[in-house]
């Protein structure tokens, strides 16, 4: 079983994917940089969780 993402992560991730969906890829490292550019995330942990969620959404979109 995996970890459950909070509603805050899901809503922000869905918003970012709707605005910049084509820029996110299946690569986690690239997505970390993209999340840093597109969102004002205060902590590294939240940025990584959000980047992981974006990676998962990019894989599901293909």
C-alpha atoms as a PDB file:
ATOM      1  CA  UNK A   1       0.000   0.000   0.000  1.00  0.00           C
ATOM      2  CA  UNK A   2       1.113   3.509  -0.706  1.00  0.00           C
ATOM      3  CA  UNK A   3       0.782   6.710   1.186  1.00  0.00           C
ATOM      4  CA  UNK A   4      -2.416   8.689   0.978  1.00  0.00           C
ATOM      5  CA  UNK A   5      -2.033  12.206  -0.381  1.00  0.00           C
ATOM      6  CA  UNK A   6      -3.762  15.039   1.460  1.00  0.00           C
ATOM      7  CA  UNK A   7      -6.490  17.096  -0.134  1.00  0.00           C
ATOM      8  CA  UNK A   8      -4.114  20.077  -0.242  1.00  0.00           C
ATOM      9  CA  UNK A   9      -1.594  18.133  -2.363  1.00  0.00           C
ATOM     10  CA  UNK A  10      -4.285  16.767  -4.663  1.00  0.00           C
ATOM     11  CA  UNK A  11      -5.968  20.112  -5.257  1.00  0.00           C
ATOM     12  CA  UNK A  12      -2.694  21.971  -5.862  1.00  0.00           C
ATOM     13  CA  UNK A  13      -1.435  19.138  -8.084  1.00  0.00           C
ATOM     14  CA  UNK A  14      -4.604  19.088 -10.152  1.00  0.00           C
ATOM     15  CA  UNK A  15      -4.435  22.868 -10.530  1.00  0.00           C
ATOM     16  CA  UNK A  16      -0.789  22.749 -11.667  1.00  0.00           C
ATOM     17  CA  UNK A  17      -1.476  19.864 -14.042  1.00  0.00           C
ATOM     18  CA  UNK A  18      -4.385  21.750 -15.608  1.00  0.00           C
ATOM     19  CA  UNK A  19      -2.247  24.850 -16.156  1.00  0.00           C
ATOM     20  CA  UNK A  20       1.117  23.282 -17.054  1.00  0.00           C
ATOM     21  CA  UNK A  21       0.344  19.626 -17.795  1.00  0.00           C
ATOM     22  CA  UNK A  22       2.498  19.383 -20.922  1.00  0.00           C
ATOM     23  CA  UNK A  23       5.617  20.499 -19.020  1.00  0.00           C
ATOM     24  CA  UNK A  24       5.543  17.613 -16.528  1.00  0.00           C
ATOM     25  CA  UNK A  25       7.166  14.321 -17.458  1.00  0.00           C
ATOM     26  CA  UNK A  26       7.630  10.843 -16.026  1.00  0.00           C
ATOM     27  CA  UNK A  27      10.955  11.896 -14.489  1.00  0.00           C
ATOM     28  CA  UNK A  28      10.791  12.821 -10.802  1.00  0.00           C
ATOM     29  CA  UNK A  29      13.974  14.936 -10.852  1.00  0.00           C
ATOM     30  CA  UNK A  30      12.690  17.144 -13.657  1.00  0.00           C
ATOM     31  CA  UNK A  31       9.321  17.496 -11.958  1.00  0.00           C
ATOM     32  CA  UNK A  32      10.978  18.704  -8.744  1.00  0.00           C
ATOM     33  CA  UNK A  33      12.456  21.623 -10.668  1.00  0.00           C
ATOM     34  CA  UNK A  34       9.156  22.346 -12.456  1.00  0.00           C
ATOM     35  CA  UNK A  35       7.185  22.383  -9.189  1.00  0.00           C
ATOM     36  CA  UNK A  36       9.746  24.803  -7.742  1.00  0.00           C
ATOM     37  CA  UNK A  37       9.216  27.119 -10.709  1.00  0.00           C
ATOM     38  CA  UNK A  38       5.415  26.936 -10.870  1.00  0.00           C
ATOM     39  CA  UNK A  39       4.425  26.805  -7.201  1.00  0.00           C
ATOM     40  CA  UNK A  40       5.507  28.698  -4.116  1.00  0.00           C
ATOM     41  CA  UNK A  41       6.284  25.737  -1.863  1.00  0.00           C
ATOM     42  CA  UNK A  42       7.925  26.582   1.441  1.00  0.00           C
ATOM     43  CA  UNK A  43       9.447  23.219   2.354  1.00  0.00           C
ATOM     44  CA  UNK A  44      11.501  20.677   0.470  1.00  0.00           C
ATOM     45  CA  UNK A  45       9.331  17.824   1.743  1.00  0.00           C
ATOM     46  CA  UNK A  46       6.121  19.334   0.348  1.00  0.00           C
ATOM     47  CA  UNK A  47       7.839  20.069  -2.947  1.00  0.00           C
ATOM     48  CA  UNK A  48       8.946  16.432  -3.224  1.00  0.00           C
ATOM     49  CA  UNK A  49       5.501  15.086  -2.360  1.00  0.00           C
ATOM     50  CA  UNK A  50       3.931  17.375  -4.943  1.00  0.00           C
ATOM     51  CA  UNK A  51       6.550  16.398  -7.546  1.00  0.00           C
ATOM     52  CA  UNK A  52       5.821  12.729  -6.888  1.00  0.00           C
ATOM     53  CA  UNK A  53       2.115  13.334  -7.348  1.00  0.00           C
ATOM     54  CA  UNK A  54       2.789  15.167 -10.608  1.00  0.00           C
ATOM     55  CA  UNK A  55       4.966  12.282 -11.815  1.00  0.00           C
ATOM     56  CA  UNK A  56       2.157   9.863 -11.090  1.00  0.00           C
ATOM     57  CA  UNK A  57      -0.374  12.050 -12.931  1.00  0.00           C
ATOM     58  CA  UNK A  58       1.956  12.302 -15.941  1.00  0.00           C
ATOM     59  CA  UNK A  59       2.281   8.510 -16.068  1.00  0.00           C
ATOM     60  CA  UNK A  60      -1.494   8.084 -15.866  1.00  0.00           C
ATOM     61  CA  UNK A  61      -2.049  10.641 -18.647  1.00  0.00           C
ATOM     62  CA  UNK A  62      -0.069   8.584 -21.169  1.00  0.00           C
END
